[in-house]
């Protein structure tokens, strides 16, 4: 049996595994296929991969946060515009409603005066 070091995303350090034949396409003792970018005979190489994988994951998540912030900012602007339009529409409706009431009162008053 050979000892290999496996770089597993989600693990903060290389995982030590035993292997019958430490080469692709064989499997380690955990049943995982041995690939040259996941299994290493050198623990130092496994550490390099673990660090690189976690740095890449951190970079992806930071980019995701940046994109979500931009989406949120756009949604906030859109919501503010919608609120302004809704307020303007309500005010325009109130003005229209007042004119209708005034017109109705004027017509009613005119009918009374003509009678």
Protein backbone atom coordinates (compact mmCIF):
# COMPACT_ATOMS: atom_id res chain seq x y z
CA UNK A 1 0.00 0.00 0.00
CA UNK A 2 1.17 3.49 -0.84
CA UNK A 3 0.30 6.64 1.05
CA UNK A 4 -1.01 9.58 -0.96
CA UNK A 5 -2.24 13.01 -0.03
CA UNK A 6 -5.57 14.08 -1.43
CA UNK A 7 -6.61 17.71 -1.93
CA UNK A 8 -10.33 17.90 -1.14
CA UNK A 9 -12.22 21.17 -1.52
CA UNK A 10 -13.93 21.85 1.77
CA UNK A 11 -11.11 20.37 3.81
CA UNK A 12 -8.62 22.84 5.26
CA UNK A 13 -5.73 20.39 4.83
CA UNK A 14 -4.70 17.47 2.64
CA UNK A 15 -6.29 14.16 3.50
CA UNK A 16 -3.98 11.15 3.86
CA UNK A 17 -5.23 8.10 1.97
CA UNK A 18 -3.90 4.66 1.22
CA UNK A 19 -3.77 3.33 -2.33
CA UNK A 20 -2.98 -0.06 -3.85
CA UNK A 21 -1.55 1.56 -6.98
CA UNK A 22 -0.94 5.30 -6.63
CA UNK A 23 -1.85 6.29 -10.18
CA UNK A 24 -4.81 7.02 -12.44
CA UNK A 25 -7.28 5.33 -13.06
CA UNK A 26 -7.04 3.48 -9.77
CA UNK A 27 -9.01 4.39 -6.65
CA UNK A 28 -7.81 5.32 -3.19
CA UNK A 29 -9.00 3.55 -0.05
CA UNK A 30 -11.96 5.99 0.12
CA UNK A 31 -13.11 4.82 -3.32
CA UNK A 32 -12.18 8.09 -5.07
CA UNK A 33 -10.49 7.91 -8.44
CA UNK A 34 -6.89 9.06 -8.32
CA UNK A 35 -6.30 12.09 -10.55
CA UNK A 36 -3.04 13.96 -10.96
CA UNK A 37 -4.65 17.19 -9.74
CA UNK A 38 -6.27 15.68 -6.63
CA UNK A 39 -3.87 13.00 -5.39
CA UNK A 40 -0.19 13.57 -4.65
CA UNK A 41 2.71 11.49 -3.43
CA UNK A 42 4.19 14.65 -1.92
CA UNK A 43 2.37 16.30 0.96
CA UNK A 44 3.90 19.65 -0.06
CA UNK A 45 2.27 19.37 -3.51
CA UNK A 46 -1.06 18.50 -1.88
CA UNK A 47 -0.76 21.60 0.33
CA UNK A 48 -0.11 23.75 -2.75
CA UNK A 49 -3.28 22.38 -4.35
CA UNK A 50 -5.37 22.82 -1.18
CA UNK A 51 -4.26 26.45 -0.86
CA UNK A 52 -4.83 27.13 -4.57
CA UNK A 53 -8.32 25.58 -4.46
CA UNK A 54 -9.35 27.61 -1.43
CA UNK A 55 -7.90 30.81 -2.89
CA UNK A 56 -9.87 30.16 -6.09
CA UNK A 57 -13.03 29.51 -4.08
CA UNK A 58 -12.52 32.72 -2.13
CA UNK A 59 -12.02 34.68 -5.35
CA UNK A 60 -15.21 33.25 -6.86
CA UNK A 61 -17.25 34.08 -3.76
CA UNK A 62 -15.82 37.62 -3.57
CA UNK A 63 -16.77 38.16 -7.23
CA UNK A 64 -20.24 36.81 -6.47
CA UNK A 65 -20.64 39.28 -3.58
CA UNK A 66 -19.52 42.13 -5.85
CA UNK A 67 -22.06 41.13 -8.51
CA UNK A 68 -24.85 40.76 -5.95
CA UNK A 69 -24.05 44.22 -4.55
CA UNK A 70 -24.33 45.67 -8.07
CA UNK A 71 -27.65 43.86 -8.56
CA UNK A 72 -28.90 45.16 -5.21
CA UNK A 73 -27.87 48.72 -6.09
CA UNK A 74 -29.72 48.48 -9.42
CA UNK A 75 -32.81 47.07 -7.66
CA UNK A 76 -32.71 49.88 -5.08
CA UNK A 77 -32.57 52.50 -7.86
CA UNK A 78 -35.40 50.80 -9.70
CA UNK A 79 -37.47 50.67 -6.52
CA UNK A 80 -36.83 54.37 -5.84
CA UNK A 81 -37.94 55.22 -9.38
CA UNK A 82 -41.06 53.10 -8.96
CA UNK A 83 -41.84 54.84 -5.65
CA UNK A 84 -41.49 58.28 -7.25
CA UNK A 85 -43.74 57.28 -10.15
CA UNK A 86 -46.33 55.80 -7.80
CA UNK A 87 -46.34 59.01 -5.73
CA UNK A 88 -46.68 61.16 -8.85
CA UNK A 89 -49.47 58.94 -10.17
CA UNK A 90 -51.38 59.19 -6.88
CA UNK A 91 -51.02 62.97 -6.84
CA UNK A 92 -52.14 63.23 -10.47
CA UNK A 93 -55.13 61.02 -9.62
CA UNK A 94 -56.06 63.25 -6.64
CA UNK A 95 -55.91 66.32 -8.88
CA UNK A 96 -58.07 64.61 -11.49
CA UNK A 97 -60.49 63.51 -8.78
CA UNK A 98 -60.74 67.12 -7.45
CA UNK A 99 -61.45 68.41 -10.94
CA UNK A 100 -64.15 65.79 -11.38
CA UNK A 101 -65.73 66.80 -8.08
CA UNK A 102 -65.52 70.49 -9.00
CA UNK A 103 -67.01 69.81 -12.46
CA UNK A 104 -69.83 67.78 -10.92
CA UNK A 105 -70.50 70.56 -8.40
CA UNK A 106 -70.40 73.17 -11.15
CA UNK A 107 -72.83 71.20 -13.30
CA UNK A 108 -75.13 70.61 -10.37
CA UNK A 109 -75.01 74.29 -9.46
CA UNK A 110 -75.68 75.31 -13.04
CA UNK A 111 -78.67 73.03 -13.24
CA UNK A 112 -80.10 74.49 -10.04
CA UNK A 113 -79.54 78.04 -11.28
CA UNK A 114 -81.28 77.28 -14.59
CA UNK A 115 -84.35 75.79 -12.97
